[in-house]
């Protein structure tokens, strides 16, 4: 078997560690900068913060969904491999039984041969 580490669904398009850190810093700077846009009732800041939190939640939810999809895919593969292995074991057991029967037939046939032929 050839085991190659390929990116799974959750890794495709996912930010690398430096990219993720940069995204967090940008979000932090963005939310810190929101304080400057406060109006008298603070609505602009609350709306902006709500928007930033919504994007963060959406990203997290999307990543969780991707992980769930990847786990489902792995589960299907594991089930298919399990079924294949069970079929292979059953096939091997059947073949082994057939070999045992043939060996018994050959052994009985050899015993029935005259002793002169057995000594050759």
N, C-alpha and C. Protein backbone atom coordinates (compact mmCIF):
# COMPACT_ATOMS: atom_id res chain seq x y z
N UNK A 1 0.84 -1.18 0.00
CA UNK A 1 0.00 0.00 0.00
C UNK A 1 0.88 1.24 0.00
N UNK A 2 0.39 2.26 -0.61
CA UNK A 2 1.13 3.50 -0.69
C UNK A 2 0.41 4.55 0.14
N UNK A 3 1.03 4.94 1.26
CA UNK A 3 0.42 5.94 2.13
C UNK A 3 1.06 7.29 1.85
N UNK A 4 0.28 8.18 1.35
CA UNK A 4 0.75 9.52 1.04
C UNK A 4 -0.11 10.50 1.80
N UNK A 5 0.51 11.43 2.47
CA UNK A 5 -0.26 12.46 3.18
C UNK A 5 -0.74 13.48 2.18
N UNK A 6 -2.04 13.42 1.93
CA UNK A 6 -2.65 14.39 1.04
C UNK A 6 -3.52 15.30 1.87
N UNK A 7 -3.65 16.54 1.47
CA UNK A 7 -4.51 17.43 2.26
C UNK A 7 -5.95 16.95 2.18
N UNK A 8 -6.60 16.94 3.34
CA UNK A 8 -8.00 16.55 3.39
C UNK A 8 -8.88 17.74 3.08
N UNK A 9 -10.19 17.52 3.05
CA UNK A 9 -11.10 18.62 2.75
C UNK A 9 -10.94 19.82 3.68
N UNK A 10 -10.62 19.56 4.94
CA UNK A 10 -10.49 20.68 5.89
C UNK A 10 -9.22 21.48 5.63
N UNK A 11 -8.21 20.84 4.99
CA UNK A 11 -6.94 21.52 4.78
C UNK A 11 -6.91 22.30 3.46
N UNK A 12 -7.75 21.92 2.51
CA UNK A 12 -7.75 22.57 1.22
C UNK A 12 -8.36 23.95 1.38
N UNK A 13 -7.62 24.95 1.03
CA UNK A 13 -8.09 26.31 1.13
C UNK A 13 -8.02 26.88 2.54
N UNK A 14 -7.57 26.07 3.49
CA UNK A 14 -7.45 26.55 4.87
C UNK A 14 -6.19 27.40 4.98
N UNK A 15 -6.24 28.44 5.78
CA UNK A 15 -5.05 29.27 5.93
C UNK A 15 -3.95 28.52 6.67
N UNK A 16 -2.71 28.80 6.29
CA UNK A 16 -1.59 28.23 7.02
C UNK A 16 -1.48 28.94 8.36
N UNK A 17 -0.62 28.45 9.24
CA UNK A 17 -0.49 29.05 10.57
C UNK A 17 -0.14 30.54 10.49
N UNK A 18 0.86 30.92 9.66
CA UNK A 18 1.16 32.36 9.58
C UNK A 18 -0.03 33.17 9.03
N UNK A 19 -0.74 32.60 8.05
CA UNK A 19 -1.89 33.32 7.51
C UNK A 19 -2.98 33.47 8.57
N UNK A 20 -3.19 32.41 9.35
CA UNK A 20 -4.21 32.46 10.40
C UNK A 20 -3.84 33.52 11.44
N UNK A 21 -2.56 33.55 11.84
CA UNK A 21 -2.11 34.56 12.80
C UNK A 21 -2.33 35.97 12.25
N UNK A 22 -2.02 36.13 10.97
CA UNK A 22 -2.20 37.44 10.35
C UNK A 22 -3.69 37.82 10.34
N UNK A 23 -4.56 36.85 10.04
CA UNK A 23 -6.01 37.12 10.04
C UNK A 23 -6.48 37.54 11.43
N UNK A 24 -5.97 36.89 12.47
CA UNK A 24 -6.35 37.24 13.84
C UNK A 24 -5.89 38.66 14.16
N UNK A 25 -4.65 38.97 13.76
CA UNK A 25 -4.13 40.32 14.02
C UNK A 25 -4.96 41.38 13.30
N UNK A 26 -5.33 41.09 12.04
CA UNK A 26 -6.14 42.04 11.28
C UNK A 26 -7.49 42.23 11.96
N UNK A 27 -8.10 41.13 12.41
CA UNK A 27 -9.38 41.26 13.11
C UNK A 27 -9.22 42.05 14.41
N UNK A 28 -8.13 41.79 15.13
CA UNK A 28 -7.90 42.50 16.39
C UNK A 28 -7.71 43.99 16.12
N UNK A 29 -6.92 44.31 15.11
CA UNK A 29 -6.72 45.72 14.77
C UNK A 29 -8.03 46.36 14.34
N UNK A 30 -8.81 45.60 13.55
CA UNK A 30 -10.09 46.13 13.07
C UNK A 30 -11.06 46.40 14.20
N UNK A 31 -11.14 45.48 15.15
CA UNK A 31 -12.07 45.70 16.26
C UNK A 31 -11.55 46.78 17.20
N UNK A 32 -10.22 46.91 17.35
CA UNK A 32 -9.67 47.98 18.19
C UNK A 32 -9.94 49.34 17.53
N UNK A 33 -9.89 49.36 16.21
CA UNK A 33 -10.12 50.61 15.50
C UNK A 33 -11.58 51.02 15.50
N UNK A 34 -12.46 50.13 15.84
CA UNK A 34 -13.88 50.46 15.85
C UNK A 34 -14.21 51.49 16.92
N UNK A 35 -13.42 51.53 17.97
CA UNK A 35 -13.69 52.48 19.05
C UNK A 35 -13.62 53.93 18.56
N UNK A 36 -12.84 54.16 17.53
CA UNK A 36 -12.69 55.51 17.01
C UNK A 36 -13.95 55.98 16.28
N UNK A 37 -14.79 55.03 15.85
CA UNK A 37 -15.96 55.39 15.07
C UNK A 37 -17.23 55.46 15.91
N UNK A 38 -17.07 55.42 17.22
CA UNK A 38 -18.25 55.50 18.09
C UNK A 38 -18.98 56.82 17.86
N UNK A 39 -20.29 56.72 17.73
CA UNK A 39 -21.07 57.94 17.74
C UNK A 39 -21.68 58.08 19.12
N UNK A 40 -22.57 58.97 19.32
CA UNK A 40 -23.09 59.27 20.65
C UNK A 40 -23.73 58.04 21.30
N UNK A 41 -24.46 57.23 20.52
CA UNK A 41 -25.13 56.08 21.13
C UNK A 41 -24.33 54.78 20.97
N UNK A 42 -23.19 54.81 20.30
CA UNK A 42 -22.33 53.64 20.16
C UNK A 42 -22.85 52.60 19.18
N UNK A 43 -23.82 52.94 18.32
CA UNK A 43 -24.40 51.97 17.40
C UNK A 43 -23.44 51.55 16.31
N UNK A 44 -22.66 52.47 15.77
CA UNK A 44 -21.73 52.12 14.68
C UNK A 44 -20.72 51.09 15.16
N UNK A 45 -20.22 51.27 16.36
CA UNK A 45 -19.25 50.34 16.91
C UNK A 45 -19.89 48.97 17.14
N UNK A 46 -21.08 48.94 17.66
CA UNK A 46 -21.76 47.68 17.93
C UNK A 46 -22.05 46.94 16.63
N UNK A 47 -22.49 47.66 15.60
CA UNK A 47 -22.75 47.03 14.30
C UNK A 47 -21.47 46.48 13.69
N UNK A 48 -20.40 47.25 13.78
CA UNK A 48 -19.12 46.80 13.24
C UNK A 48 -18.61 45.58 13.99
N UNK A 49 -18.72 45.62 15.31
CA UNK A 49 -18.28 44.49 16.11
C UNK A 49 -19.12 43.26 15.81
N UNK A 50 -20.41 43.45 15.67
CA UNK A 50 -21.32 42.35 15.32
C UNK A 50 -20.92 41.75 13.97
N UNK A 51 -20.55 42.60 13.03
CA UNK A 51 -20.14 42.14 11.71
C UNK A 51 -18.85 41.32 11.79
N UNK A 52 -17.87 41.82 12.55
CA UNK A 52 -16.59 41.11 12.71
C UNK A 52 -16.83 39.76 13.38
N UNK A 53 -17.62 39.76 14.46
CA UNK A 53 -17.90 38.51 15.16
C UNK A 53 -18.67 37.54 14.27
N UNK A 54 -19.54 38.06 13.44
CA UNK A 54 -20.28 37.21 12.49
C UNK A 54 -19.35 36.53 11.51
N UNK A 55 -18.35 37.29 11.00
CA UNK A 55 -17.38 36.70 10.07
C UNK A 55 -16.54 35.64 10.76
N UNK A 56 -16.12 35.92 11.99
CA UNK A 56 -15.32 34.94 12.74
C UNK A 56 -16.14 33.67 12.98
N UNK A 57 -17.39 33.84 13.39
CA UNK A 57 -18.26 32.69 13.64
C UNK A 57 -18.50 31.91 12.36
N UNK A 58 -18.69 32.61 11.26
CA UNK A 58 -18.92 31.96 9.97
C UNK A 58 -17.71 31.13 9.56
N UNK A 59 -16.52 31.69 9.74
CA UNK A 59 -15.28 30.97 9.41
C UNK A 59 -15.14 29.72 10.27
N UNK A 60 -15.39 29.87 11.56
CA UNK A 60 -15.29 28.72 12.47
C UNK A 60 -16.31 27.66 12.12
N UNK A 61 -17.52 28.07 11.83
CA UNK A 61 -18.58 27.12 11.47
C UNK A 61 -18.22 26.40 10.18
N UNK A 62 -17.69 27.12 9.20
CA UNK A 62 -17.29 26.52 7.93
C UNK A 62 -16.19 25.48 8.16
N UNK A 63 -15.23 25.80 9.01
CA UNK A 63 -14.15 24.86 9.29
C UNK A 63 -14.68 23.62 10.01
N UNK A 64 -15.58 23.80 10.95
CA UNK A 64 -16.19 22.65 11.64
C UNK A 64 -16.96 21.79 10.64
N UNK A 65 -17.70 22.42 9.75
CA UNK A 65 -18.44 21.67 8.72
C UNK A 65 -17.47 20.88 7.82
N UNK A 66 -16.35 21.51 7.47
CA UNK A 66 -15.34 20.81 6.66
C UNK A 66 -14.77 19.61 7.40
N UNK A 67 -14.51 19.77 8.69
CA UNK A 67 -14.00 18.66 9.48
C UNK A 67 -15.02 17.53 9.57
N UNK A 68 -16.29 17.88 9.75
CA UNK A 68 -17.34 16.87 9.79
C UNK A 68 -17.41 16.12 8.47
N UNK A 69 -17.34 16.85 7.36
CA UNK A 69 -17.35 16.21 6.04
C UNK A 69 -16.16 15.27 5.88
N UNK A 70 -14.99 15.72 6.33
CA UNK A 70 -13.79 14.89 6.22
C UNK A 70 -13.94 13.62 7.07
N UNK A 71 -14.49 13.75 8.28
CA UNK A 71 -14.71 12.58 9.13
C UNK A 71 -15.71 11.62 8.50
N UNK A 72 -16.75 12.15 7.88
CA UNK A 72 -17.73 11.29 7.20
C UNK A 72 -17.07 10.54 6.04
N UNK A 73 -16.23 11.23 5.29
CA UNK A 73 -15.51 10.60 4.18
C UNK A 73 -14.60 9.50 4.71
N UNK A 74 -13.87 9.78 5.78
CA UNK A 74 -12.99 8.77 6.36
C UNK A 74 -13.79 7.59 6.90
N UNK A 75 -14.95 7.86 7.48
CA UNK A 75 -15.80 6.78 7.99
C UNK A 75 -16.25 5.88 6.85
N UNK A 76 -16.67 6.46 5.73
CA UNK A 76 -17.08 5.67 4.57
C UNK A 76 -15.92 4.82 4.05
N UNK A 77 -14.74 5.40 4.00
CA UNK A 77 -13.56 4.67 3.54
C UNK A 77 -13.23 3.53 4.50
N UNK A 78 -13.29 3.80 5.78
CA UNK A 78 -13.03 2.77 6.79
C UNK A 78 -14.04 1.63 6.67
N UNK A 79 -15.31 1.96 6.46
CA UNK A 79 -16.34 0.93 6.31
C UNK A 79 -16.09 0.11 5.04
N UNK A 80 -15.75 0.77 3.94
CA UNK A 80 -15.46 0.06 2.70
C UNK A 80 -14.25 -0.86 2.86
N UNK A 81 -13.20 -0.37 3.52
CA UNK A 81 -12.01 -1.19 3.76
C UNK A 81 -12.35 -2.38 4.66
N UNK A 82 -13.16 -2.15 5.67
CA UNK A 82 -13.57 -3.22 6.57
C UNK A 82 -14.34 -4.30 5.81
N UNK A 83 -15.27 -3.89 4.97
CA UNK A 83 -16.04 -4.84 4.16
C UNK A 83 -15.13 -5.64 3.23
N UNK A 84 -14.18 -4.96 2.61
CA UNK A 84 -13.25 -5.63 1.70
C UNK A 84 -12.41 -6.65 2.45
N UNK A 85 -11.92 -6.29 3.62
CA UNK A 85 -11.09 -7.20 4.42
C UNK A 85 -11.92 -8.41 4.86
N UNK A 86 -13.16 -8.19 5.25
CA UNK A 86 -14.02 -9.32 5.63
C UNK A 86 -14.25 -10.26 4.45
N UNK A 87 -14.47 -9.70 3.26
CA UNK A 87 -14.63 -10.55 2.06
C UNK A 87 -13.35 -11.32 1.78
N UNK A 88 -12.19 -10.66 1.91
CA UNK A 88 -10.91 -11.33 1.67
C UNK A 88 -10.68 -12.47 2.66
N UNK A 89 -11.02 -12.25 3.93
CA UNK A 89 -10.86 -13.29 4.95
C UNK A 89 -11.76 -14.47 4.64
N UNK A 90 -13.02 -14.20 4.27
CA UNK A 90 -13.95 -15.28 3.92
C UNK A 90 -13.44 -16.05 2.71
N UNK A 91 -12.94 -15.34 1.72
CA UNK A 91 -12.40 -15.98 0.52
C UNK A 91 -11.19 -16.84 0.87
N UNK A 92 -10.31 -16.32 1.71
CA UNK A 92 -9.13 -17.08 2.13
C UNK A 92 -9.53 -18.33 2.90
N UNK A 93 -10.51 -18.23 3.78
CA UNK A 93 -10.98 -19.38 4.56
C UNK A 93 -11.55 -20.45 3.63
N UNK A 94 -12.32 -20.03 2.64
CA UNK A 94 -12.90 -20.97 1.68
C UNK A 94 -11.80 -21.65 0.87
N UNK A 95 -10.84 -20.89 0.41
CA UNK A 95 -9.72 -21.45 -0.36
C UNK A 95 -8.92 -22.42 0.50
N UNK A 96 -8.68 -22.06 1.74
CA UNK A 96 -7.95 -22.93 2.65
C UNK A 96 -8.69 -24.25 2.86
N UNK A 97 -10.01 -24.18 3.01
CA UNK A 97 -10.82 -25.39 3.16
C UNK A 97 -10.71 -26.27 1.92
N UNK A 98 -10.74 -25.69 0.75
CA UNK A 98 -10.62 -26.44 -0.50
C UNK A 98 -9.25 -27.12 -0.60
N UNK A 99 -8.20 -26.42 -0.19
CA UNK A 99 -6.86 -27.00 -0.21
C UNK A 99 -6.79 -28.19 0.75
N UNK A 100 -7.38 -28.07 1.90
CA UNK A 100 -7.40 -29.17 2.87
C UNK A 100 -8.12 -30.39 2.29
N UNK A 101 -9.25 -30.15 1.62
CA UNK A 101 -9.98 -31.26 1.01
C UNK A 101 -9.15 -31.92 -0.09
N UNK A 102 -8.50 -31.14 -0.94
CA UNK A 102 -7.66 -31.69 -2.00
C UNK A 102 -6.49 -32.49 -1.41
N UNK A 103 -5.90 -31.97 -0.35
CA UNK A 103 -4.79 -32.67 0.30
C UNK A 103 -5.25 -34.01 0.84
N UNK A 104 -6.42 -34.04 1.42
CA UNK A 104 -6.97 -35.29 1.95
C UNK A 104 -7.21 -36.29 0.82
N UNK A 105 -7.79 -35.82 -0.29
CA UNK A 105 -8.05 -36.69 -1.45
C UNK A 105 -6.75 -37.26 -1.99
N UNK A 106 -5.74 -36.42 -2.14
CA UNK A 106 -4.44 -36.87 -2.66
C UNK A 106 -3.81 -37.88 -1.71
N UNK A 107 -3.86 -37.59 -0.41
CA UNK A 107 -3.29 -38.50 0.58
C UNK A 107 -3.97 -39.86 0.54
N UNK A 108 -5.28 -39.90 0.46
CA UNK A 108 -6.02 -41.15 0.38
C UNK A 108 -5.70 -41.90 -0.91
N UNK A 109 -5.56 -41.15 -2.01
CA UNK A 109 -5.24 -41.78 -3.30
C UNK A 109 -3.85 -42.40 -3.27
N UNK A 110 -2.89 -41.74 -2.66
CA UNK A 110 -1.53 -42.26 -2.57
C UNK A 110 -1.51 -43.52 -1.72
N UNK A 111 -2.29 -43.58 -0.68
CA UNK A 111 -2.33 -44.76 0.18
C UNK A 111 -2.92 -45.97 -0.56
N UNK A 112 -3.76 -45.75 -1.54
CA UNK A 112 -4.38 -46.84 -2.30
C UNK A 112 -3.45 -47.39 -3.38
N UNK A 113 -2.39 -46.70 -3.70
CA UNK A 113 -1.45 -47.18 -4.72
C UNK A 113 -0.76 -48.44 -4.20
N UNK A 114 -0.42 -49.33 -5.14
CA UNK A 114 0.35 -50.51 -4.72
C UNK A 114 1.69 -50.07 -4.12
N UNK A 115 2.23 -50.85 -3.23
CA UNK A 115 3.46 -50.48 -2.55
C UNK A 115 4.62 -50.33 -3.51
N UNK A 116 4.63 -51.06 -4.61
CA UNK A 116 5.73 -50.97 -5.58
C UNK A 116 5.77 -49.57 -6.21
N UNK A 117 4.64 -49.00 -6.49
CA UNK A 117 4.59 -47.66 -7.09
C UNK A 117 4.94 -46.59 -6.06
N UNK A 118 4.61 -46.82 -4.81
CA UNK A 118 4.90 -45.85 -3.76
C UNK A 118 6.39 -45.74 -3.49
N UNK A 119 7.10 -46.83 -3.70
CA UNK A 119 8.54 -46.84 -3.42
C UNK A 119 9.35 -46.15 -4.49
N UNK A 120 8.78 -45.88 -5.64
CA UNK A 120 9.52 -45.23 -6.72
C UNK A 120 9.87 -43.85 -6.36
